């Protein structure tokens, strides 16, 4: 199975005629076609988790498709507002909310927040009282099970996201007159590819969350399930079916008895519509292994080093040569700069390019671009069947002082 379509291959080949350094390309036409069916339903309200990819053109496409926006920093907020999105369509999440950040969000018109701690509840109320405002607040809950999932979001492990039920039970909601508590937020799993497993996990959440809302003394109007919907990174991975997911979500919504069900999609929204394109620097054999050194590594796509799950990779040029197993390494002076083991044609040469797919989410802005002072990658988009460069490749001189 190839994650690189013939049409995308042709576009990338065209770009490599003028580019010499690594670059990203995003298919906004394909993205919009994918997004439209997601919002054409009444079961769940969808927010876009901007952390997945904050590129202006990507945000504009999500806006066009009818998503609202989940932001976790002042920079993400500024980027969303710069695309003409109303602050009334912004939800502020994230484990670190200082009073200064809250003041800034309020000054920009944001009124909906996810509180991750008792201190955040206090700060939200204090700042809102100072400005004579009322805020809509959801409390983020961290549940734990003896045999929960393990992944970078925590699963049943202790994380900085939210509080446990026992800790939230200490909250006296009557002490916060500026806050309107309307819901609970829970999001502990990432890149899930099984609808039955998701449904089972969501189902386990309903009873303890409804009980918590009743204990605190507010009607649970909103249940926010976060994100966690996955995309395949390998040919043998399963693919989620959106209609089946909607059926599961409708059952969860009915069981919880809430007015609204929310989700913040990142990877599932945009992940399949980006490629990262990388020129080969050299090949070598070492201790019986084929090693491939490429121009860009975790300075542009860090995810493989963080999650031990590689982006799918193939040679841009089509080849009928037999494949060999290659260890891929980027240009950084650290063994962490490893992009996985991949089967690639054994007739590759130093003028070839390789393409990593499924890079529309958690690509460049999750990376470590400044280490060793290499170029920042260019970013291209395909929009209305036209290819445009949104940002050119930039040398270290543009950011070093």
Protein backbone atom coordinates (compact mmCIF):
# COMPACT_ATOMS: atom_id res chain seq x y z
CA UNK A 1 0.00 0.00 0.00
CA UNK A 2 1.28 3.46 -0.93
CA UNK A 3 0.31 6.52 1.10
CA UNK A 4 1.46 8.69 -1.82
CA UNK A 5 -1.12 9.14 -4.58
CA UNK A 6 -0.14 9.54 -8.23
CA UNK A 7 -1.46 13.12 -8.22
CA UNK A 8 0.55 14.05 -5.13
CA UNK A 9 3.65 12.37 -6.53
CA UNK A 10 3.38 14.51 -9.66
CA UNK A 11 2.97 17.72 -7.64
CA UNK A 12 5.98 16.87 -5.46
CA UNK A 13 8.12 15.99 -8.46
CA UNK A 14 7.27 19.40 -9.90
CA UNK A 15 8.32 21.17 -6.69
CA UNK A 16 11.64 19.30 -6.52
CA UNK A 17 12.61 20.81 -9.86
CA UNK A 18 13.22 24.10 -8.03
CA UNK A 19 13.63 23.12 -4.36
CA UNK A 20 16.92 21.83 -2.99
CA UNK A 21 16.03 21.61 0.72
CA UNK A 22 13.30 19.64 2.56
CA UNK A 23 9.72 20.90 2.37
CA UNK A 24 6.15 20.13 3.39
CA UNK A 25 3.15 20.06 1.06
CA UNK A 26 -0.49 20.02 2.19
CA UNK A 27 -3.48 19.09 0.03
CA UNK A 28 -6.15 21.59 1.08
CA UNK A 29 -8.58 20.43 -1.61
CA UNK A 30 -8.44 16.87 -0.30
CA UNK A 31 -8.60 18.15 3.27
CA UNK A 32 -11.79 20.12 2.64
CA UNK A 33 -13.46 17.11 1.01
CA UNK A 34 -12.52 15.03 4.07
CA UNK A 35 -13.77 17.62 6.58
CA UNK A 36 -17.18 18.39 5.11
CA UNK A 37 -18.85 15.07 6.10
CA UNK A 38 -17.45 15.40 9.62
CA UNK A 39 -19.49 18.54 10.31
CA UNK A 40 -22.64 17.52 8.44
CA UNK A 41 -24.24 15.87 11.48
CA UNK A 42 -25.93 16.92 14.73
CA UNK A 43 -24.41 14.44 17.18
CA UNK A 44 -21.17 16.16 18.15
CA UNK A 45 -19.80 19.71 18.02
CA UNK A 46 -16.33 19.69 16.48
CA UNK A 47 -13.40 21.89 17.44
CA UNK A 48 -10.04 21.85 15.67
CA UNK A 49 -7.05 21.28 17.97
CA UNK A 50 -4.73 23.93 16.53
CA UNK A 51 -1.65 22.23 18.02
CA UNK A 52 -1.92 19.60 15.26
CA UNK A 53 -1.04 22.12 12.53
CA UNK A 54 -1.37 25.92 12.98
CA UNK A 55 -0.57 26.86 9.37
CA UNK A 56 -2.77 29.77 8.29
CA UNK A 57 -4.13 27.97 5.22
CA UNK A 58 -4.98 24.89 7.27
CA UNK A 59 -6.91 27.00 9.79
CA UNK A 60 -8.75 28.72 6.95
CA UNK A 61 -9.76 25.35 5.53
CA UNK A 62 -11.04 24.13 8.90
CA UNK A 63 -12.97 27.40 9.27
CA UNK A 64 -14.52 26.90 5.82
CA UNK A 65 -15.57 23.38 6.82
CA UNK A 66 -17.41 24.63 9.91
CA UNK A 67 -15.03 23.74 12.74
CA UNK A 68 -14.51 25.91 15.81
CA UNK A 69 -11.06 26.14 17.39
CA UNK A 70 -9.32 24.71 20.46
CA UNK A 71 -6.25 26.80 21.32
CA UNK A 72 -3.73 26.28 24.12
CA UNK A 73 -1.52 29.37 23.93
CA UNK A 74 -1.58 33.07 23.13
CA UNK A 75 0.31 32.35 19.90
CA UNK A 76 -2.30 29.85 18.72
CA UNK A 77 -5.05 32.32 19.61
CA UNK A 78 -3.38 35.10 17.62
CA UNK A 79 -2.96 32.79 14.63
CA UNK A 80 -6.64 31.79 14.69
CA UNK A 81 -7.91 35.35 15.10
CA UNK A 82 -5.60 36.49 12.27
CA UNK A 83 -7.60 34.25 9.92
CA UNK A 84 -10.79 36.18 10.67
CA UNK A 85 -12.24 33.66 13.15
CA UNK A 86 -14.45 35.17 15.86
CA UNK A 87 -13.20 34.72 19.43
CA UNK A 88 -16.67 33.41 20.30
CA UNK A 89 -15.65 30.25 18.43
CA UNK A 90 -12.52 29.66 20.53
CA UNK A 91 -12.08 27.20 23.39
CA UNK A 92 -9.02 27.61 25.63
CA UNK A 93 -7.48 24.36 26.86
CA UNK A 94 -4.02 23.51 28.18
CA UNK A 95 -2.34 22.71 31.51
CA UNK A 96 -0.60 26.10 31.90
CA UNK A 97 -2.88 29.13 32.28
CA UNK A 98 -1.28 32.06 34.06
CA UNK A 99 -3.29 35.08 35.12
CA UNK A 100 -1.54 37.11 32.43
CA UNK A 101 -2.59 34.62 29.74
CA UNK A 102 -6.17 34.55 31.03
CA UNK A 103 -6.27 38.35 30.96
CA UNK A 104 -5.07 38.31 27.37
CA UNK A 105 -7.65 35.74 26.30
CA UNK A 106 -10.42 37.76 27.93
CA UNK A 107 -9.18 40.94 26.25
CA UNK A 108 -9.51 39.15 22.90
CA UNK A 109 -13.09 38.07 23.63
CA UNK A 110 -12.63 34.41 24.59
CA UNK A 111 -15.27 33.29 27.08
CA UNK A 112 -15.05 29.47 27.08
CA UNK A 113 -12.35 27.69 29.08
CA UNK A 114 -11.33 24.22 30.21
CA UNK A 115 -10.01 24.41 33.79
CA UNK A 116 -7.28 21.89 34.59
CA UNK A 117 -6.80 22.60 38.30
CA UNK A 118 -8.31 24.24 41.37
CA UNK A 119 -5.85 27.10 40.93
CA UNK A 120 -7.03 27.67 37.35
CA UNK A 121 -10.62 27.87 38.58
CA UNK A 122 -9.54 30.50 41.10
CA UNK A 123 -7.62 32.51 38.49
CA UNK A 124 -10.45 32.36 35.96
CA UNK A 125 -12.95 33.58 38.54
CA UNK A 126 -10.64 36.32 39.89
CA UNK A 127 -9.84 37.68 36.43
CA UNK A 128 -13.44 37.49 35.23
CA UNK A 129 -14.65 39.32 38.36
CA UNK A 130 -12.09 42.08 37.78
CA UNK A 131 -13.49 42.58 34.28
CA UNK A 132 -17.15 41.98 35.27
CA UNK A 133 -17.50 39.03 32.92
CA UNK A 134 -19.12 35.60 33.12
CA UNK A 135 -17.24 32.63 31.68
CA UNK A 136 -18.32 29.17 30.56
CA UNK A 137 -16.07 26.61 32.24
CA UNK A 138 -15.55 22.88 31.78
CA UNK A 139 -13.52 20.92 34.34
CA UNK A 140 -10.96 18.50 32.95
CA UNK A 141 -11.10 15.13 34.67
CA UNK A 142 -8.32 12.54 34.73
CA UNK A 143 -9.63 9.02 35.30
CA UNK A 144 -7.51 6.00 36.09
CA UNK A 145 -8.16 2.28 35.63
CA UNK A 146 -6.04 -0.68 36.74
CA UNK A 147 -5.46 -1.79 33.16
CA UNK A 148 -5.72 1.37 31.09
CA UNK A 149 -4.11 2.31 27.81
CA UNK A 150 -0.50 3.51 27.75
CA UNK A 151 0.44 6.25 25.28
CA UNK A 152 1.91 9.80 25.21
CA UNK A 153 -1.35 11.32 26.50
CA UNK A 154 -1.17 9.23 29.61
CA UNK A 155 -3.89 6.61 29.37
CA UNK A 156 -4.24 5.62 33.03
CA UNK A 157 -0.87 7.20 33.96
CA UNK A 158 -0.54 10.39 35.96
CA UNK A 159 -0.29 13.45 33.67
CA UNK A 160 -0.50 17.24 34.14
CA UNK A 161 -3.88 17.28 32.40
CA UNK A 162 -6.81 17.90 34.75
CA UNK A 163 -7.47 16.43 38.18
CA UNK A 164 -8.88 13.19 39.51
CA UNK A 165 -12.45 12.94 40.72
CA UNK A 166 -11.43 13.00 44.39
CA UNK A 167 -9.48 16.23 43.87
CA UNK A 168 -12.36 17.94 42.02
CA UNK A 169 -14.79 16.96 44.77
CA UNK A 170 -13.11 19.55 46.98
CA UNK A 171 -14.43 22.32 44.70
CA UNK A 172 -17.24 24.52 46.00
CA UNK A 173 -18.72 25.91 42.79
CA UNK A 174 -20.79 28.47 44.70
CA UNK A 175 -17.57 30.29 45.60
CA UNK A 176 -16.99 31.37 41.99
CA UNK A 177 -19.77 33.78 40.95
CA UNK A 178 -18.18 34.69 37.60
CA UNK A 179 -17.99 31.09 36.40
CA UNK A 180 -20.83 29.12 34.82
CA UNK A 181 -19.89 25.45 35.16
CA UNK A 182 -21.49 23.65 32.25
CA UNK A 183 -19.48 20.55 31.55
CA UNK A 184 -16.64 18.10 32.01
CA UNK A 185 -13.72 17.39 29.70
CA UNK A 186 -11.84 14.12 29.46
CA UNK A 187 -9.16 13.14 26.95
CA UNK A 188 -6.56 10.52 27.80
CA UNK A 189 -5.88 8.44 24.68
CA UNK A 190 -4.18 9.25 21.40
CA UNK A 191 -4.32 7.81 17.86
CA UNK A 192 -6.96 5.20 18.63
CA UNK A 193 -7.90 3.09 15.59
CA UNK A 194 -10.68 0.87 17.00
CA UNK A 195 -14.26 2.12 17.23
CA UNK A 196 -15.29 -0.67 19.66
CA UNK A 197 -12.37 0.16 21.97
CA UNK A 198 -13.17 3.88 21.85
CA UNK A 199 -16.84 3.17 22.56
CA UNK A 200 -15.90 0.95 25.50
CA UNK A 201 -13.57 3.59 26.97
CA UNK A 202 -16.13 6.37 26.50
CA UNK A 203 -18.83 4.20 28.10
CA UNK A 204 -16.69 3.69 31.21
CA UNK A 205 -16.44 7.46 31.58
CA UNK A 206 -20.14 8.25 31.67
CA UNK A 207 -21.10 7.05 35.17
CA UNK A 208 -18.20 8.62 37.12
CA UNK A 209 -18.50 11.92 35.23
CA UNK A 210 -22.26 12.22 35.69
CA UNK A 211 -21.81 11.38 39.37
CA UNK A 212 -19.11 14.05 39.73
CA UNK A 213 -21.32 16.75 38.18
CA UNK A 214 -24.16 15.80 40.52
CA UNK A 215 -21.82 15.84 43.53
CA UNK A 216 -20.54 19.32 42.61
CA UNK A 217 -24.09 20.54 42.11
CA UNK A 218 -24.32 21.48 38.44
CA UNK A 219 -26.21 20.04 35.49
CA UNK A 220 -23.88 18.29 33.08
CA UNK A 221 -24.85 20.07 29.86
CA UNK A 222 -21.61 19.48 27.93
CA UNK A 223 -19.42 16.37 27.79
CA UNK A 224 -16.14 16.98 25.97
CA UNK A 225 -14.38 13.80 24.86
CA UNK A 226 -11.31 15.59 23.49
CA UNK A 227 -9.76 13.90 20.48
CA UNK A 228 -7.72 10.73 20.16
CA UNK A 229 -9.17 9.54 16.85
CA UNK A 230 -6.35 7.94 14.93
CA UNK A 231 -5.10 7.60 11.38
CA UNK A 232 -3.04 4.71 9.93
CA UNK A 233 0.74 5.04 9.77
CA UNK A 234 1.37 1.54 8.44
CA UNK A 235 -0.33 -0.47 5.74
CA UNK A 236 -1.65 -3.00 8.25
CA UNK A 237 -3.24 -0.36 10.51
CA UNK A 238 -7.02 -0.21 10.78
CA UNK A 239 -8.98 2.85 9.66
CA UNK A 240 -11.78 4.43 11.65
CA UNK A 241 -15.21 4.65 10.04
CA UNK A 242 -16.86 8.03 10.71
CA UNK A 243 -20.50 6.82 10.47
CA UNK A 244 -19.74 4.02 12.94
CA UNK A 245 -18.06 6.52 15.25
CA UNK A 246 -21.14 8.74 15.10
CA UNK A 247 -23.33 5.82 16.17
CA UNK A 248 -21.07 5.21 19.16
CA UNK A 249 -21.01 8.92 20.02
CA UNK A 250 -24.80 9.15 19.83
CA UNK A 251 -25.06 6.29 22.34
CA UNK A 252 -22.61 8.01 24.68
CA UNK A 253 -24.50 11.30 24.38
CA UNK A 254 -27.79 9.60 25.25
CA UNK A 255 -26.27 7.67 28.17
CA UNK A 256 -24.76 10.84 29.64
CA UNK A 257 -27.98 12.81 29.13
CA UNK A 258 -26.08 15.89 27.99
CA UNK A 259 -27.30 18.68 25.71
CA UNK A 260 -24.03 18.80 23.78
CA UNK A 261 -21.19 16.43 23.03
CA UNK A 262 -17.86 18.05 22.04
CA UNK A 263 -14.68 16.74 20.47
CA UNK A 264 -11.40 18.46 19.55
CA UNK A 265 -9.97 16.78 16.48
CA UNK A 266 -6.38 17.28 15.39
CA UNK A 267 -4.69 14.32 13.75
CA UNK A 268 -7.98 12.82 12.49
CA UNK A 269 -8.90 16.14 10.90
CA UNK A 270 -5.67 16.99 9.06
CA UNK A 271 -3.10 14.21 9.45
CA UNK A 272 -3.65 12.38 6.17
CA UNK A 273 -3.29 15.47 3.98
CA UNK A 274 0.37 16.37 4.37
CA UNK A 275 3.71 15.07 3.08
CA UNK A 276 7.27 15.86 4.11
CA UNK A 277 9.78 15.63 1.26
CA UNK A 278 13.46 15.07 1.99
CA UNK A 279 16.56 14.81 -0.25
CA UNK A 280 19.03 11.98 0.28
CA UNK A 281 22.53 13.05 1.35
CA UNK A 282 24.33 9.71 1.35
CA UNK A 283 24.13 5.99 1.97
CA UNK A 284 26.54 3.78 3.89
CA UNK A 285 26.81 0.28 5.29
CA UNK A 286 27.77 -0.14 8.91
CA UNK A 287 27.81 -3.30 11.06
CA UNK A 288 25.68 -5.11 8.53
CA UNK A 289 23.05 -2.37 8.30
CA UNK A 290 22.15 -0.06 5.41
CA UNK A 291 22.07 3.53 6.69
CA UNK A 292 20.49 6.39 4.80
CA UNK A 293 21.43 9.96 5.77
CA UNK A 294 18.85 12.55 4.75
CA UNK A 295 18.83 16.37 4.78
CA UNK A 296 16.05 16.78 7.35
CA UNK A 297 15.26 14.78 10.45
CA UNK A 298 13.74 15.47 13.82
CA UNK A 299 14.50 19.15 13.29
CA UNK A 300 11.49 18.98 10.93
CA UNK A 301 9.52 15.88 12.03
CA UNK A 302 10.15 14.95 15.66
CA UNK A 303 7.26 12.55 16.13
CA UNK A 304 9.13 9.27 15.40
CA UNK A 305 11.65 10.02 18.16
CA UNK A 306 8.89 10.93 20.65
CA UNK A 307 6.43 8.10 19.98
CA UNK A 308 8.60 5.37 18.38
CA UNK A 309 6.03 5.30 15.58
CA UNK A 310 7.38 6.28 12.17
CA UNK A 311 5.74 8.23 9.40
CA UNK A 312 5.29 6.00 6.33
CA UNK A 313 8.09 6.58 3.84
CA UNK A 314 8.77 5.82 0.18
CA UNK A 315 11.03 6.83 -2.66
CA UNK A 316 9.63 9.71 -4.74
CA UNK A 317 10.98 8.26 -7.96
CA UNK A 318 9.14 5.09 -8.90
CA UNK A 319 11.45 2.09 -8.99
CA UNK A 320 11.08 -1.61 -9.76
CA UNK A 321 14.33 -2.47 -7.96
CA UNK A 322 14.27 -4.94 -5.05
CA UNK A 323 13.88 -3.35 -1.63
CA UNK A 324 16.30 -3.42 1.27
CA UNK A 325 15.88 -2.45 4.89
CA UNK A 326 17.32 0.99 5.66
CA UNK A 327 17.84 2.86 8.92
CA UNK A 328 17.03 6.52 8.27
CA UNK A 329 18.98 9.26 10.03
CA UNK A 330 18.64 13.03 9.84
CA UNK A 331 21.43 15.65 9.93
CA UNK A 332 21.59 16.35 13.67
CA UNK A 333 24.54 15.38 15.85
CA UNK A 334 22.50 13.16 18.12
CA UNK A 335 21.44 9.52 17.93
CA UNK A 336 17.90 10.72 18.65
CA UNK A 337 17.72 11.92 15.03
CA UNK A 338 16.39 8.59 13.80
CA UNK A 339 13.33 8.35 11.55
CA UNK A 340 12.88 4.62 11.70
CA UNK A 341 13.55 1.51 9.66
CA UNK A 342 12.02 1.46 6.19
CA UNK A 343 12.04 -0.88 3.19
CA UNK A 344 13.16 1.16 0.18
CA UNK A 345 14.40 0.34 -3.34
CA UNK A 346 18.09 -0.55 -3.34
CA UNK A 347 18.83 1.54 -6.44
CA UNK A 348 18.54 4.86 -4.58
CA UNK A 349 21.20 7.45 -5.24
CA UNK A 350 22.28 10.78 -3.79
CA UNK A 351 20.08 12.84 -6.13
CA UNK A 352 16.90 11.06 -5.03
CA UNK A 353 14.16 12.32 -2.73
CA UNK A 354 12.11 10.38 -0.22
CA UNK A 355 8.59 11.27 0.90
CA UNK A 356 7.09 10.85 4.37
CA UNK A 357 3.29 10.76 4.32
CA UNK A 358 0.52 11.28 6.92
CA UNK A 359 2.42 14.43 8.00
CA UNK A 360 -0.48 16.88 8.00
CA UNK A 361 -0.52 16.74 11.81
CA UNK A 362 2.35 16.86 14.30
CA UNK A 363 4.93 17.71 11.68
CA UNK A 364 7.01 20.86 11.58
CA UNK A 365 5.62 22.76 14.60
CA UNK A 366 6.13 19.72 16.86
CA UNK A 367 9.78 19.50 15.82
CA UNK A 368 13.06 20.99 17.15
CA UNK A 369 13.96 23.25 14.20
CA UNK A 370 16.75 25.37 15.69
CA UNK A 371 19.16 22.65 16.82
CA UNK A 372 22.34 22.75 14.65
CA UNK A 373 21.06 25.77 12.74
CA UNK A 374 19.79 23.99 9.64
CA UNK A 375 17.25 25.55 7.27
CA UNK A 376 13.62 25.78 8.19
CA UNK A 377 11.56 23.80 5.67
CA UNK A 378 9.43 25.43 3.00
CA UNK A 379 5.67 24.81 3.14
CA UNK A 380 3.49 24.41 0.04
CA UNK A 381 -0.26 23.98 -0.33
CA UNK A 382 -2.47 22.57 -3.06
CA UNK A 383 -5.58 24.75 -3.20
CA UNK A 384 -8.10 24.96 -6.02
CA UNK A 385 -5.82 22.61 -7.98
CA UNK A 386 -3.00 25.18 -7.78
CA UNK A 387 0.32 24.77 -5.96
CA UNK A 388 1.53 27.75 -3.92
CA UNK A 389 4.51 28.26 -1.60
CA UNK A 390 3.26 29.64 1.73
CA UNK A 391 6.70 29.90 3.31
CA UNK A 392 10.04 29.60 1.57
CA UNK A 393 12.94 27.67 3.08
CA UNK A 394 14.72 29.95 5.55
CA UNK A 395 18.36 29.84 6.61
CA UNK A 396 19.53 30.14 10.21
CA UNK A 397 20.40 33.79 9.65
CA UNK A 398 16.66 34.59 9.70
CA UNK A 399 16.26 33.50 13.33
CA UNK A 400 19.74 33.75 14.92
CA UNK A 401 20.68 36.95 16.72
